[in-house]
Amino acid sequence: GPVAAVVRELRCVCLSTTPGVHPKMVTNLQVIAAGPQCSKVEVVASLKNGKEVCLDPEAPLIKKIVQKILDGYLPL
């Protein structure tokens, strides 16, 4: 059978980032750690209108959010 069908393509997900997304518009935030597929951390936000946009992980607000997520993450 298929071995890990969830493996992403080996490339960055985000080609560009969208500045100034209002936090209230965000329904879900996915942080993709840097790895063999991409040399940078990527932040993908799902919006209330159904769109997905990439946020700049270097933006101060995004850094804070990402840090909160990472601080709350406990490896099994």
C-alpha atoms as a PDB file:
ATOM      1  CA  GLY A   1       0.000   0.000   0.000  1.00  0.00           C
ATOM      2  CA  PRO A   2       0.973   3.651  -0.023  1.00  0.00           C
ATOM      3  CA  VAL A   3       3.693   4.540   2.426  1.00  0.00           C
ATOM      4  CA  ALA A   4       2.867   7.973   4.038  1.00  0.00           C
ATOM      5  CA  ALA A   5       0.380   9.527   1.702  1.00  0.00           C
ATOM      6  CA  VAL A   6       0.516  12.668   3.806  1.00  0.00           C
ATOM      7  CA  VAL A   7       4.050  13.545   2.762  1.00  0.00           C
ATOM      8  CA  ARG A   8       4.059  16.998   1.199  1.00  0.00           C
ATOM      9  CA  GLU A   9       5.820  17.758  -2.005  1.00  0.00           C
ATOM     10  CA  LEU A  10       9.425  18.629  -1.319  1.00  0.00           C
ATOM     11  CA  ARG A  11       9.121  22.366  -1.688  1.00  0.00           C
ATOM     12  CA  CYS A  12       7.979  25.393   0.243  1.00  0.00           C
ATOM     13  CA  VAL A  13       4.230  25.794   0.561  1.00  0.00           C
ATOM     14  CA  CYS A  14       4.372  29.582   0.628  1.00  0.00           C
ATOM     15  CA  LEU A  15       5.618  31.380  -2.455  1.00  0.00           C
ATOM     16  CA  SER A  16       4.560  34.756  -1.111  1.00  0.00           C
ATOM     17  CA  THR A  17       3.159  36.119   2.134  1.00  0.00           C
ATOM     18  CA  THR A  18       0.097  38.265   2.724  1.00  0.00           C
ATOM     19  CA  PRO A  19       0.684  41.240   5.025  1.00  0.00           C
ATOM     20  CA  GLY A  20      -1.893  42.675   7.391  1.00  0.00           C
ATOM     21  CA  VAL A  21      -4.353  39.833   7.854  1.00  0.00           C
ATOM     22  CA  HIS A  22      -6.699  40.710  10.714  1.00  0.00           C
ATOM     23  CA  PRO A  23      -6.451  38.117  13.517  1.00  0.00           C
ATOM     24  CA  LYS A  24     -10.267  38.003  13.771  1.00  0.00           C
ATOM     25  CA  MET A  25     -10.399  36.740  10.167  1.00  0.00           C
ATOM     26  CA  VAL A  26      -8.204  33.744  10.996  1.00  0.00           C
ATOM     27  CA  THR A  27      -9.981  30.496  11.845  1.00  0.00           C
ATOM     28  CA  ASN A  28      -6.943  28.237  11.904  1.00  0.00           C
ATOM     29  CA  LEU A  29      -3.192  28.664  11.903  1.00  0.00           C
ATOM     30  CA  GLN A  30      -0.768  26.037  10.699  1.00  0.00           C
ATOM     31  CA  VAL A  31       2.921  26.397  11.434  1.00  0.00           C
ATOM     32  CA  ILE A  32       5.152  24.304   9.209  1.00  0.00           C
ATOM     33  CA  ALA A  33       8.628  23.870  10.640  1.00  0.00           C
ATOM     34  CA  ALA A  34      11.652  24.357   8.435  1.00  0.00           C
ATOM     35  CA  GLY A  35      12.973  21.069   7.123  1.00  0.00           C
ATOM     36  CA  PRO A  36      14.254  19.277   4.034  1.00  0.00           C
ATOM     37  CA  GLN A  37      11.241  20.476   2.042  1.00  0.00           C
ATOM     38  CA  CYS A  38      11.757  24.154   2.861  1.00  0.00           C
ATOM     39  CA  SER A  39      14.526  26.068   4.613  1.00  0.00           C
ATOM     40  CA  LYS A  40      12.185  28.502   6.355  1.00  0.00           C
ATOM     41  CA  VAL A  41       9.339  28.311   8.839  1.00  0.00           C
ATOM     42  CA  GLU A  42       6.015  28.810   7.098  1.00  0.00           C
ATOM     43  CA  VAL A  43       2.770  30.059   8.604  1.00  0.00           C
ATOM     44  CA  VAL A  44      -0.454  29.227   6.770  1.00  0.00           C
ATOM     45  CA  ALA A  45      -3.659  30.889   7.971  1.00  0.00           C
ATOM     46  CA  SER A  46      -7.141  29.666   7.126  1.00  0.00           C
ATOM     47  CA  LEU A  47      -9.551  32.586   6.866  1.00  0.00           C
ATOM     48  CA  LYS A  48     -13.281  32.853   7.541  1.00  0.00           C
ATOM     49  CA  ASN A  49     -13.908  33.358   3.811  1.00  0.00           C
ATOM     50  CA  GLY A  50     -12.416  29.934   3.090  1.00  0.00           C
ATOM     51  CA  LYS A  51      -9.125  31.207   1.679  1.00  0.00           C
ATOM     52  CA  GLU A  52      -5.717  30.111   2.876  1.00  0.00           C
ATOM     53  CA  VAL A  53      -2.933  32.670   2.974  1.00  0.00           C
ATOM     54  CA  CYS A  54       0.679  32.580   4.024  1.00  0.00           C
ATOM     55  CA  LEU A  55       1.777  34.980   6.732  1.00  0.00           C
ATOM     56  CA  ASP A  56       5.264  36.351   7.230  1.00  0.00           C
ATOM     57  CA  PRO A  57       6.855  34.364  10.090  1.00  0.00           C
ATOM     58  CA  GLU A  58       9.251  37.294  10.624  1.00  0.00           C
ATOM     59  CA  ALA A  59       6.445  39.794  11.294  1.00  0.00           C
ATOM     60  CA  PRO A  60       6.396  40.729  15.010  1.00  0.00           C
ATOM     61  CA  LEU A  61       2.751  39.734  15.571  1.00  0.00           C
ATOM     62  CA  ILE A  62       3.170  36.429  13.759  1.00  0.00           C
ATOM     63  CA  LYS A  63       6.373  35.701  15.696  1.00  0.00           C
ATOM     64  CA  LYS A  64       4.429  36.156  18.949  1.00  0.00           C
ATOM     65  CA  ILE A  65       1.662  33.817  17.823  1.00  0.00           C
ATOM     66  CA  VAL A  66       4.122  31.198  16.582  1.00  0.00           C
ATOM     67  CA  GLN A  67       6.074  31.427  19.846  1.00  0.00           C
ATOM     68  CA  LYS A  68       2.861  30.858  21.829  1.00  0.00           C
ATOM     69  CA  ILE A  69       2.086  27.798  19.724  1.00  0.00           C
ATOM     70  CA  LEU A  70       5.612  26.441  20.137  1.00  0.00           C
ATOM     71  CA  ASP A  71       5.595  27.145  23.890  1.00  0.00           C
ATOM     72  CA  GLY A  72       2.363  25.187  24.234  1.00  0.00           C
ATOM     73  CA  TYR A  73       3.644  22.288  22.178  1.00  0.00           C
ATOM     74  CA  LEU A  74       4.756  19.294  24.177  1.00  0.00           C
ATOM     75  CA  PRO A  75       6.404  16.449  22.290  1.00  0.00           C
ATOM     76  CA  LEU A  76       4.885  13.059  23.070  1.00  0.00           C
END
